[in-house]
Amino acid sequence: MDNKDLAFQLGLLERDIENLHQPATLIHALAHYSDLDKFDYCELEEALKGINTALYNHINSLNHRLNFIKEKLGVSND
């Protein structure tokens, strides 16, 4: 893997990490600023499902990036 490829992959990792701020902010808002009793159960369930989906998408993307970099560097995934 040359420096150009590595820089590109690092840029993607930085973007993926930055994207984690959205679900983290939603969790923080729900935990600290929301009167959960005011939410309809379905609304709260949908919000939590959305946060869960966003987090798993980001985790999968980060794992994909790491595996790609490891493969290019010849590092084992064990």
C-alpha atoms as a PDB file:
ATOM      1  CA  MET A   1       0.000   0.000   0.000  1.00  0.00           C
ATOM      2  CA  ASP A   2       1.551   3.296  -1.014  1.00  0.00           C
ATOM      3  CA  ASN A   3       1.187   6.600   0.822  1.00  0.00           C
ATOM      4  CA  LYS A   4      -1.570   7.806  -1.523  1.00  0.00           C
ATOM      5  CA  ASP A   5      -3.688   4.713  -0.809  1.00  0.00           C
ATOM      6  CA  LEU A   6      -2.987   4.965   2.900  1.00  0.00           C
ATOM      7  CA  ALA A   7      -3.946   8.655   2.963  1.00  0.00           C
ATOM      8  CA  PHE A   8      -7.187   7.831   1.146  1.00  0.00           C
ATOM      9  CA  GLN A   9      -8.039   5.056   3.591  1.00  0.00           C
ATOM     10  CA  LEU A  10      -7.242   7.297   6.557  1.00  0.00           C
ATOM     11  CA  GLY A  11      -9.546   9.948   5.114  1.00  0.00           C
ATOM     12  CA  LEU A  12     -12.338   7.392   4.903  1.00  0.00           C
ATOM     13  CA  LEU A  13     -11.719   6.303   8.484  1.00  0.00           C
ATOM     14  CA  GLU A  14     -11.809   9.911   9.669  1.00  0.00           C
ATOM     15  CA  ARG A  15     -15.118  10.428   7.862  1.00  0.00           C
ATOM     16  CA  ASP A  16     -16.591   7.263   9.358  1.00  0.00           C
ATOM     17  CA  ILE A  17     -15.523   8.293  12.844  1.00  0.00           C
ATOM     18  CA  GLU A  18     -16.969  11.779  12.322  1.00  0.00           C
ATOM     19  CA  ASN A  19     -20.252  10.176  11.257  1.00  0.00           C
ATOM     20  CA  LEU A  20     -20.486   8.484  14.655  1.00  0.00           C
ATOM     21  CA  HIS A  21     -21.194  11.869  16.213  1.00  0.00           C
ATOM     22  CA  GLN A  22     -24.779  11.896  14.893  1.00  0.00           C
ATOM     23  CA  PRO A  23     -26.006   8.775  16.720  1.00  0.00           C
ATOM     24  CA  ALA A  24     -23.924   9.712  19.778  1.00  0.00           C
ATOM     25  CA  THR A  25     -25.607  13.121  19.870  1.00  0.00           C
ATOM     26  CA  LEU A  26     -29.038  11.526  19.585  1.00  0.00           C
ATOM     27  CA  ILE A  27     -28.282   9.152  22.452  1.00  0.00           C
ATOM     28  CA  HIS A  28     -26.972  12.020  24.551  1.00  0.00           C
ATOM     29  CA  ALA A  29     -30.076  14.114  23.855  1.00  0.00           C
ATOM     30  CA  LEU A  30     -32.396  11.261  24.736  1.00  0.00           C
ATOM     31  CA  ALA A  31     -30.495  10.459  27.906  1.00  0.00           C
ATOM     32  CA  HIS A  32     -30.001  13.982  29.234  1.00  0.00           C
ATOM     33  CA  TYR A  33     -32.446  16.453  27.707  1.00  0.00           C
ATOM     34  CA  SER A  34     -35.595  14.541  26.953  1.00  0.00           C
ATOM     35  CA  ASP A  35     -38.587  13.913  29.104  1.00  0.00           C
ATOM     36  CA  LEU A  36     -39.016  10.348  27.919  1.00  0.00           C
ATOM     37  CA  ASP A  37     -42.567  10.241  29.264  1.00  0.00           C
ATOM     38  CA  LYS A  38     -43.553  12.801  26.621  1.00  0.00           C
ATOM     39  CA  PHE A  39     -42.533  10.465  23.796  1.00  0.00           C
ATOM     40  CA  ASP A  40     -45.032   8.105  22.311  1.00  0.00           C
ATOM     41  CA  TYR A  41     -43.710   4.556  22.690  1.00  0.00           C
ATOM     42  CA  CYS A  42     -43.625   4.105  18.892  1.00  0.00           C
ATOM     43  CA  GLU A  43     -41.656   7.337  18.412  1.00  0.00           C
ATOM     44  CA  LEU A  44     -39.090   6.288  20.987  1.00  0.00           C
ATOM     45  CA  GLU A  45     -38.854   2.823  19.482  1.00  0.00           C
ATOM     46  CA  GLU A  46     -38.282   4.293  15.999  1.00  0.00           C
ATOM     47  CA  ALA A  47     -35.614   6.669  17.325  1.00  0.00           C
ATOM     48  CA  LEU A  48     -33.781   3.820  19.029  1.00  0.00           C
ATOM     49  CA  LYS A  49     -34.014   1.601  15.938  1.00  0.00           C
ATOM     50  CA  GLY A  50     -32.605   4.447  13.829  1.00  0.00           C
ATOM     51  CA  ILE A  51     -29.724   4.973  16.251  1.00  0.00           C
ATOM     52  CA  ASN A  52     -29.040   1.236  16.322  1.00  0.00           C
ATOM     53  CA  THR A  53     -29.031   1.032  12.523  1.00  0.00           C
ATOM     54  CA  ALA A  54     -26.725   4.047  12.210  1.00  0.00           C
ATOM     55  CA  LEU A  55     -24.281   2.633  14.739  1.00  0.00           C
ATOM     56  CA  TYR A  56     -24.149  -0.786  13.079  1.00  0.00           C
ATOM     57  CA  ASN A  57     -23.666   0.809   9.660  1.00  0.00           C
ATOM     58  CA  HIS A  58     -20.736   2.811  11.004  1.00  0.00           C
ATOM     59  CA  ILE A  59     -19.247  -0.199  12.787  1.00  0.00           C
ATOM     60  CA  ASN A  60     -19.468  -2.261   9.599  1.00  0.00           C
ATOM     61  CA  SER A  61     -17.893   0.522   7.563  1.00  0.00           C
ATOM     62  CA  LEU A  62     -15.040   0.928  10.039  1.00  0.00           C
ATOM     63  CA  ASN A  63     -14.425  -2.834  10.098  1.00  0.00           C
ATOM     64  CA  HIS A  64     -14.410  -2.915   6.300  1.00  0.00           C
ATOM     65  CA  ARG A  65     -11.823  -0.102   6.187  1.00  0.00           C
ATOM     66  CA  LEU A  66      -9.625  -1.762   8.820  1.00  0.00           C
ATOM     67  CA  ASN A  67      -9.749  -5.128   7.065  1.00  0.00           C
ATOM     68  CA  PHE A  68      -8.872  -3.479   3.746  1.00  0.00           C
ATOM     69  CA  ILE A  69      -5.886  -1.688   5.274  1.00  0.00           C
ATOM     70  CA  LYS A  70      -4.724  -4.840   7.063  1.00  0.00           C
ATOM     71  CA  GLU A  71      -5.006  -6.812   3.828  1.00  0.00           C
ATOM     72  CA  LYS A  72      -2.961  -4.230   1.929  1.00  0.00           C
ATOM     73  CA  LEU A  73      -0.331  -4.145   4.680  1.00  0.00           C
ATOM     74  CA  GLY A  74      -0.248  -7.938   4.947  1.00  0.00           C
ATOM     75  CA  VAL A  75      -1.439  -7.935   8.554  1.00  0.00           C
ATOM     76  CA  SER A  76      -3.399 -10.909   9.871  1.00  0.00           C
ATOM     77  CA  ASN A  77      -6.978 -10.379  11.114  1.00  0.00           C
ATOM     78  CA  ASP A  78      -6.482 -12.863  13.966  1.00  0.00           C
END
